[in-house]
Amino acid sequence: MADGYEYPLIDGLSVDEIIDLVNFFQTIEQAYEQSSGIERSEFLEAYRRFQKIVPSKMEQKQLESAFEERSGYNAYQVIKASKDEQNVNLKVREAHNGN
């Protein structure tokens, strides 16, 4: 949605953890941008890794909020779809900007 934004990160991460966090944010983008969405299993794997890297719910919500502010993509909507739907692919129809 927004061009040229940076992914939110936290200090003290290894290179592999940074790659995994960026991958998580990219799966959210795919759920919004790709016509077929993102494979549910691929998203869930990225989400589980995100939860392992950032075990604090508060920090998770802060990163998700910062990502939404920068990109316009709401991580909660994709997470919710992954729990509510048993579809093979997750597709979010439009970004929720809180307006």
N, C-alpha and C. Protein backbone atom coordinates (compact mmCIF):
# COMPACT_ATOMS: atom_id res chain seq x y z
N MET A 1 0.82 -1.19 0.00
CA MET A 1 0.00 0.00 0.00
C MET A 1 0.86 1.25 0.00
N ALA A 2 1.65 1.44 1.03
CA ALA A 2 2.57 2.59 1.08
C ALA A 2 3.90 2.15 0.48
N ASP A 3 4.44 2.97 -0.39
CA ASP A 3 5.70 2.61 -1.03
C ASP A 3 6.87 3.06 -0.17
N GLY A 4 7.92 2.24 -0.16
CA GLY A 4 9.17 2.63 0.46
C GLY A 4 9.19 2.67 1.97
N TYR A 5 8.33 1.94 2.64
CA TYR A 5 8.36 1.92 4.09
C TYR A 5 9.36 0.90 4.60
N GLU A 6 9.79 1.08 5.84
CA GLU A 6 10.72 0.14 6.46
C GLU A 6 9.94 -0.75 7.42
N TYR A 7 10.39 -1.98 7.53
CA TYR A 7 9.76 -2.91 8.46
C TYR A 7 10.19 -2.57 9.89
N PRO A 8 9.24 -2.63 10.83
CA PRO A 8 9.62 -2.38 12.22
C PRO A 8 10.39 -3.56 12.79
N LEU A 9 11.45 -3.26 13.51
CA LEU A 9 12.27 -4.29 14.14
C LEU A 9 12.53 -3.90 15.58
N ILE A 10 13.10 -4.83 16.34
CA ILE A 10 13.51 -4.54 17.70
C ILE A 10 15.01 -4.79 17.81
N ASP A 11 15.62 -4.14 18.77
CA ASP A 11 17.06 -4.28 18.97
C ASP A 11 17.42 -5.67 19.48
N GLY A 12 18.65 -6.07 19.16
CA GLY A 12 19.20 -7.30 19.71
C GLY A 12 18.86 -8.56 18.93
N LEU A 13 18.37 -8.42 17.71
CA LEU A 13 18.03 -9.59 16.92
C LEU A 13 19.22 -10.07 16.11
N SER A 14 19.27 -11.37 15.90
CA SER A 14 20.28 -11.92 15.00
C SER A 14 19.84 -11.69 13.56
N VAL A 15 20.75 -11.91 12.63
CA VAL A 15 20.42 -11.76 11.21
C VAL A 15 19.27 -12.70 10.83
N ASP A 16 19.33 -13.94 11.30
CA ASP A 16 18.27 -14.91 10.99
C ASP A 16 16.92 -14.46 11.56
N GLU A 17 16.93 -13.89 12.76
CA GLU A 17 15.68 -13.41 13.35
C GLU A 17 15.12 -12.22 12.57
N ILE A 18 15.99 -11.34 12.12
CA ILE A 18 15.54 -10.21 11.29
C ILE A 18 14.91 -10.72 10.01
N ILE A 19 15.55 -11.68 9.38
CA ILE A 19 15.01 -12.27 8.15
C ILE A 19 13.63 -12.88 8.42
N ASP A 20 13.49 -13.58 9.54
CA ASP A 20 12.20 -14.20 9.87
C ASP A 20 11.12 -13.16 10.16
N LEU A 21 11.48 -12.06 10.82
CA LEU A 21 10.50 -11.00 11.07
C LEU A 21 10.06 -10.35 9.77
N VAL A 22 11.01 -10.05 8.91
CA VAL A 22 10.68 -9.47 7.61
C VAL A 22 9.79 -10.43 6.83
N ASN A 23 10.10 -11.71 6.87
CA ASN A 23 9.28 -12.72 6.20
C ASN A 23 7.85 -12.70 6.73
N PHE A 24 7.68 -12.57 8.04
CA PHE A 24 6.33 -12.49 8.62
C PHE A 24 5.58 -11.29 8.05
N PHE A 25 6.22 -10.13 8.02
CA PHE A 25 5.56 -8.94 7.47
C PHE A 25 5.25 -9.11 5.99
N GLN A 26 6.13 -9.79 5.27
CA GLN A 26 5.90 -10.02 3.84
C GLN A 26 4.72 -10.97 3.61
N THR A 27 4.50 -11.92 4.51
CA THR A 27 3.33 -12.80 4.35
C THR A 27 2.05 -12.01 4.54
N ILE A 28 2.07 -11.02 5.42
CA ILE A 28 0.90 -10.16 5.60
C ILE A 28 0.65 -9.36 4.32
N GLU A 29 1.72 -8.82 3.76
CA GLU A 29 1.59 -8.08 2.49
C GLU A 29 0.99 -8.99 1.41
N GLN A 30 1.45 -10.22 1.35
CA GLN A 30 0.95 -11.15 0.33
C GLN A 30 -0.54 -11.42 0.50
N ALA A 31 -1.00 -11.50 1.75
CA ALA A 31 -2.42 -11.73 2.00
C ALA A 31 -3.28 -10.59 1.45
N TYR A 32 -2.73 -9.40 1.41
CA TYR A 32 -3.44 -8.24 0.86
C TYR A 32 -3.21 -8.07 -0.64
N GLU A 33 -1.99 -8.29 -1.10
CA GLU A 33 -1.61 -7.89 -2.45
C GLU A 33 -1.78 -8.96 -3.51
N GLN A 34 -1.52 -10.21 -3.18
CA GLN A 34 -1.57 -11.26 -4.20
C GLN A 34 -3.01 -11.68 -4.45
N SER A 35 -3.34 -11.87 -5.70
CA SER A 35 -4.72 -12.22 -6.06
C SER A 35 -5.16 -13.52 -5.40
N SER A 36 -4.23 -14.45 -5.22
CA SER A 36 -4.56 -15.72 -4.58
C SER A 36 -4.31 -15.71 -3.08
N GLY A 37 -3.79 -14.60 -2.56
CA GLY A 37 -3.49 -14.52 -1.13
C GLY A 37 -2.21 -15.26 -0.79
N ILE A 38 -2.14 -15.76 0.42
CA ILE A 38 -0.97 -16.49 0.92
C ILE A 38 -1.45 -17.85 1.42
N GLU A 39 -0.63 -18.86 1.20
CA GLU A 39 -0.98 -20.18 1.72
C GLU A 39 -1.08 -20.10 3.24
N ARG A 40 -2.15 -20.65 3.76
CA ARG A 40 -2.39 -20.62 5.21
C ARG A 40 -1.22 -21.23 5.97
N SER A 41 -0.72 -22.37 5.50
CA SER A 41 0.38 -23.04 6.19
C SER A 41 1.65 -22.18 6.18
N GLU A 42 1.90 -21.48 5.09
CA GLU A 42 3.08 -20.62 5.00
C GLU A 42 2.96 -19.45 5.99
N PHE A 43 1.76 -18.86 6.04
CA PHE A 43 1.55 -17.76 6.99
C PHE A 43 1.70 -18.26 8.42
N LEU A 44 1.08 -19.38 8.75
CA LEU A 44 1.14 -19.88 10.12
C LEU A 44 2.57 -20.20 10.55
N GLU A 45 3.37 -20.72 9.63
CA GLU A 45 4.77 -20.99 9.95
C GLU A 45 5.51 -19.67 10.26
N ALA A 46 5.29 -18.65 9.44
CA ALA A 46 5.92 -17.34 9.67
C ALA A 46 5.42 -16.72 10.97
N TYR A 47 4.13 -16.89 11.25
CA TYR A 47 3.55 -16.32 12.47
C TYR A 47 4.11 -17.02 13.72
N ARG A 48 4.24 -18.32 13.68
CA ARG A 48 4.81 -19.06 14.82
C ARG A 48 6.26 -18.63 15.08
N ARG A 49 7.01 -18.42 14.01
CA ARG A 49 8.39 -17.95 14.15
C ARG A 49 8.41 -16.55 14.76
N PHE A 50 7.52 -15.68 14.30
CA PHE A 50 7.38 -14.33 14.86
C PHE A 50 7.11 -14.41 16.36
N GLN A 51 6.19 -15.29 16.76
CA GLN A 51 5.85 -15.43 18.17
C GLN A 51 7.03 -15.95 18.99
N LYS A 52 7.84 -16.80 18.39
CA LYS A 52 9.01 -17.33 19.09
C LYS A 52 10.08 -16.25 19.26
N ILE A 53 10.29 -15.45 18.22
CA ILE A 53 11.29 -14.38 18.27
C ILE A 53 10.85 -13.28 19.22
N VAL A 54 9.56 -12.97 19.20
CA VAL A 54 8.99 -11.89 20.03
C VAL A 54 7.93 -12.53 20.93
N PRO A 55 8.35 -13.13 22.04
CA PRO A 55 7.39 -13.85 22.89
C PRO A 55 6.42 -12.95 23.65
N SER A 56 6.78 -11.71 23.86
CA SER A 56 5.92 -10.78 24.60
C SER A 56 4.75 -10.32 23.72
N LYS A 57 3.52 -10.59 24.18
CA LYS A 57 2.33 -10.15 23.44
C LYS A 57 2.34 -8.63 23.24
N MET A 58 2.79 -7.90 24.24
CA MET A 58 2.82 -6.45 24.14
C MET A 58 3.76 -6.01 23.01
N GLU A 59 4.95 -6.61 22.94
CA GLU A 59 5.89 -6.28 21.87
C GLU A 59 5.36 -6.71 20.51
N GLN A 60 4.69 -7.86 20.46
CA GLN A 60 4.08 -8.30 19.20
C GLN A 60 3.09 -7.26 18.71
N LYS A 61 2.21 -6.80 19.61
CA LYS A 61 1.20 -5.81 19.23
C LYS A 61 1.85 -4.49 18.82
N GLN A 62 2.93 -4.10 19.48
CA GLN A 62 3.63 -2.87 19.11
C GLN A 62 4.22 -2.98 17.71
N LEU A 63 4.84 -4.11 17.40
CA LEU A 63 5.40 -4.31 16.06
C LEU A 63 4.30 -4.36 15.00
N GLU A 64 3.21 -5.06 15.30
CA GLU A 64 2.09 -5.14 14.37
C GLU A 64 1.49 -3.76 14.12
N SER A 65 1.36 -2.98 15.18
CA SER A 65 0.83 -1.62 15.05
C SER A 65 1.76 -0.72 14.23
N ALA A 66 3.06 -0.82 14.50
CA ALA A 66 4.03 -0.02 13.75
C ALA A 66 4.01 -0.43 12.28
N PHE A 67 3.86 -1.73 12.01
CA PHE A 67 3.79 -2.19 10.63
C PHE A 67 2.54 -1.63 9.94
N GLU A 68 1.42 -1.64 10.64
CA GLU A 68 0.19 -1.11 10.06
C GLU A 68 0.30 0.39 9.78
N GLU A 69 0.90 1.13 10.69
CA GLU A 69 1.09 2.56 10.49
C GLU A 69 1.93 2.84 9.24
N ARG A 70 2.93 2.01 9.02
CA ARG A 70 3.85 2.22 7.90
C ARG A 70 3.28 1.71 6.58
N SER A 71 2.59 0.58 6.63
CA SER A 71 2.17 -0.09 5.40
C SER A 71 0.69 0.06 5.07
N GLY A 72 -0.11 0.24 6.11
CA GLY A 72 -1.56 0.23 5.92
C GLY A 72 -2.17 -1.16 6.03
N TYR A 73 -1.34 -2.18 6.26
CA TYR A 73 -1.81 -3.55 6.33
C TYR A 73 -1.96 -3.98 7.79
N ASN A 74 -3.12 -4.51 8.11
CA ASN A 74 -3.45 -4.89 9.47
C ASN A 74 -3.12 -6.36 9.70
N ALA A 75 -2.09 -6.63 10.49
CA ALA A 75 -1.68 -8.01 10.77
C ALA A 75 -2.79 -8.79 11.45
N TYR A 76 -3.54 -8.12 12.32
CA TYR A 76 -4.61 -8.80 13.06
C TYR A 76 -5.63 -9.43 12.11
N GLN A 77 -5.94 -8.75 11.02
CA GLN A 77 -6.92 -9.29 10.07
C GLN A 77 -6.44 -10.60 9.45
N VAL A 78 -5.15 -10.68 9.16
CA VAL A 78 -4.60 -11.91 8.58
C VAL A 78 -4.52 -13.00 9.65
N ILE A 79 -4.10 -12.63 10.86
CA ILE A 79 -4.05 -13.60 11.96
C ILE A 79 -5.45 -14.14 12.23
N LYS A 80 -6.42 -13.26 12.26
CA LYS A 80 -7.81 -13.65 12.49
C LYS A 80 -8.29 -14.60 11.39
N ALA A 81 -7.99 -14.27 10.15
CA ALA A 81 -8.39 -15.13 9.03
C ALA A 81 -7.75 -16.50 9.14
N SER A 82 -6.51 -16.55 9.62
CA SER A 82 -5.82 -17.84 9.74
C SER A 82 -6.46 -18.72 10.81
N LYS A 83 -7.10 -18.10 11.78
CA LYS A 83 -7.75 -18.86 12.86
C LYS A 83 -9.20 -19.18 12.53
N ASP A 84 -9.87 -18.27 11.83
CA ASP A 84 -11.30 -18.42 11.57
C ASP A 84 -11.59 -19.26 10.33
N GLU A 85 -10.70 -19.26 9.39
CA GLU A 85 -10.95 -19.93 8.12
C GLU A 85 -10.10 -21.19 8.02
N GLN A 86 -10.65 -22.16 7.38
CA GLN A 86 -9.91 -23.39 7.12
C GLN A 86 -9.49 -23.47 5.66
N ASN A 87 -9.53 -22.34 4.98
CA ASN A 87 -9.14 -22.28 3.57
C ASN A 87 -7.65 -22.55 3.43
N VAL A 88 -7.28 -23.02 2.26
CA VAL A 88 -5.88 -23.26 1.97
C VAL A 88 -5.14 -21.93 1.85
N ASN A 89 -5.79 -20.93 1.25
CA ASN A 89 -5.17 -19.61 1.07
C ASN A 89 -5.90 -18.57 1.90
N LEU A 90 -5.13 -17.60 2.41
CA LEU A 90 -5.68 -16.48 3.15
C LEU A 90 -5.63 -15.25 2.26
N LYS A 91 -6.74 -14.57 2.14
CA LYS A 91 -6.81 -13.37 1.31
C LYS A 91 -7.59 -12.33 2.08
N VAL A 92 -6.99 -11.16 2.31
CA VAL A 92 -7.67 -10.05 2.95
C VAL A 92 -8.05 -9.09 1.85
N ARG A 93 -9.30 -8.69 1.82
CA ARG A 93 -9.83 -7.91 0.70
C ARG A 93 -9.28 -6.50 0.62
N GLU A 94 -9.21 -5.80 1.73
CA GLU A 94 -8.69 -4.42 1.69
C GLU A 94 -8.02 -4.09 3.01
N ALA A 95 -7.12 -3.13 2.94
CA ALA A 95 -6.41 -2.70 4.14
C ALA A 95 -7.36 -1.94 5.04
N HIS A 96 -7.17 -2.10 6.33
CA HIS A 96 -7.95 -1.38 7.33
C HIS A 96 -7.04 -0.35 7.96
N ASN A 97 -7.32 0.91 7.72
CA ASN A 97 -6.48 1.99 8.21
C ASN A 97 -7.02 2.66 9.45
N GLY A 98 -8.08 2.12 10.03
CA GLY A 98 -8.63 2.70 11.23
C GLY A 98 -9.43 3.96 10.98
N ASN A 99 -9.74 4.25 9.73
CA ASN A 99 -10.52 5.44 9.39
C ASN A 99 -11.97 5.09 9.21
